[in-house]
Amino acid sequence: MRDISVKIFSNGKTVTIRVSSELVTILKSHYVKNMKRYSYTVTKYPSTFFFEEELMKQE
């Protein structure tokens, strides 16, 4: 099992949004302590955040 306190994506990485298949770049990440996971802000949607399960590594 993966340690959830370790983020999968780093700032500046290009990832894909699972729902829309859009390529975006991670601006910043934030660990949400009460949810025990990371949220990510991306370039195309800076006022929205995504959780790890909503993003995929670019292939």
C-alpha atoms as a PDB file:
ATOM      1  CA  MET A   1       0.000   0.000   0.000  1.00  0.00           C
ATOM      2  CA  ARG A   2       1.250   3.484  -0.918  1.00  0.00           C
ATOM      3  CA  ASP A   3       2.064   6.083   1.758  1.00  0.00           C
ATOM      4  CA  ILE A   4      -0.607   8.731   1.133  1.00  0.00           C
ATOM      5  CA  SER A   5       1.460  11.509   2.727  1.00  0.00           C
ATOM      6  CA  VAL A   6       3.876  11.282  -0.246  1.00  0.00           C
ATOM      7  CA  LYS A   7       2.677  13.200  -3.290  1.00  0.00           C
ATOM      8  CA  ILE A   8       2.615  11.548  -6.704  1.00  0.00           C
ATOM      9  CA  PHE A   9       2.951  14.679  -8.840  1.00  0.00           C
ATOM     10  CA  SER A  10       5.502  17.456  -8.452  1.00  0.00           C
ATOM     11  CA  ASN A  11       5.204  21.121  -9.400  1.00  0.00           C
ATOM     12  CA  GLY A  12       5.897  21.763 -13.085  1.00  0.00           C
ATOM     13  CA  LYS A  13       4.939  18.230 -14.189  1.00  0.00           C
ATOM     14  CA  THR A  14       2.548  17.793 -17.105  1.00  0.00           C
ATOM     15  CA  VAL A  15      -0.401  15.542 -16.283  1.00  0.00           C
ATOM     16  CA  THR A  16      -3.730  14.563 -17.811  1.00  0.00           C
ATOM     17  CA  ILE A  17      -7.106  15.343 -16.242  1.00  0.00           C
ATOM     18  CA  ARG A  18      -8.898  11.963 -16.274  1.00  0.00           C
ATOM     19  CA  VAL A  19     -12.414  13.240 -17.071  1.00  0.00           C
ATOM     20  CA  SER A  20     -11.527  15.537 -19.973  1.00  0.00           C
ATOM     21  CA  SER A  21      -8.184  14.058 -21.153  1.00  0.00           C
ATOM     22  CA  GLU A  22      -6.720  17.586 -21.138  1.00  0.00           C
ATOM     23  CA  LEU A  23      -3.004  18.066 -20.642  1.00  0.00           C
ATOM     24  CA  VAL A  24      -2.213  20.543 -17.866  1.00  0.00           C
ATOM     25  CA  THR A  25       0.804  21.515 -15.778  1.00  0.00           C
ATOM     26  CA  ILE A  26       0.847  21.323 -11.979  1.00  0.00           C
ATOM     27  CA  LEU A  27       1.245  24.798 -10.451  1.00  0.00           C
ATOM     28  CA  LYS A  28       1.277  23.794  -6.802  1.00  0.00           C
ATOM     29  CA  SER A  29       0.250  21.061  -4.417  1.00  0.00           C
ATOM     30  CA  HIS A  30      -1.144  21.107  -0.920  1.00  0.00           C
ATOM     31  CA  TYR A  31      -1.529  18.299   1.613  1.00  0.00           C
ATOM     32  CA  VAL A  32      -5.075  18.288   3.016  1.00  0.00           C
ATOM     33  CA  LYS A  33      -4.500  16.872   6.474  1.00  0.00           C
ATOM     34  CA  ASN A  34      -8.097  16.006   7.408  1.00  0.00           C
ATOM     35  CA  MET A  35      -8.606  14.199   4.080  1.00  0.00           C
ATOM     36  CA  LYS A  36      -5.122  12.643   4.188  1.00  0.00           C
ATOM     37  CA  ARG A  37      -4.330  13.351   0.526  1.00  0.00           C
ATOM     38  CA  TYR A  38      -2.885  15.981  -1.767  1.00  0.00           C
ATOM     39  CA  SER A  39      -4.775  18.528  -3.815  1.00  0.00           C
ATOM     40  CA  TYR A  40      -3.257  20.057  -6.928  1.00  0.00           C
ATOM     41  CA  THR A  41      -3.754  23.385  -8.694  1.00  0.00           C
ATOM     42  CA  VAL A  42      -3.107  23.341 -12.452  1.00  0.00           C
ATOM     43  CA  THR A  43      -2.269  26.022 -15.017  1.00  0.00           C
ATOM     44  CA  LYS A  44      -5.450  25.901 -17.089  1.00  0.00           C
ATOM     45  CA  TYR A  45      -7.791  26.048 -14.066  1.00  0.00           C
ATOM     46  CA  PRO A  46      -5.958  28.010 -11.328  1.00  0.00           C
ATOM     47  CA  SER A  47      -9.106  28.596  -9.251  1.00  0.00           C
ATOM     48  CA  THR A  48      -9.935  24.867  -9.115  1.00  0.00           C
ATOM     49  CA  PHE A  49      -8.099  22.041  -7.378  1.00  0.00           C
ATOM     50  CA  PHE A  50      -7.862  18.373  -8.251  1.00  0.00           C
ATOM     51  CA  PHE A  51      -7.094  15.331  -6.121  1.00  0.00           C
ATOM     52  CA  GLU A  52      -4.571  12.682  -7.205  1.00  0.00           C
ATOM     53  CA  GLU A  53      -7.222  10.262  -8.382  1.00  0.00           C
ATOM     54  CA  GLU A  54      -8.531  12.904 -10.826  1.00  0.00           C
ATOM     55  CA  LEU A  55      -5.145  13.192 -12.562  1.00  0.00           C
ATOM     56  CA  MET A  56      -2.943  10.770 -14.510  1.00  0.00           C
ATOM     57  CA  LYS A  57       0.750  10.821 -15.324  1.00  0.00           C
ATOM     58  CA  GLN A  58       1.374  11.775 -18.908  1.00  0.00           C
ATOM     59  CA  GLU A  59       2.384   8.781 -21.029  1.00  0.00           C
END
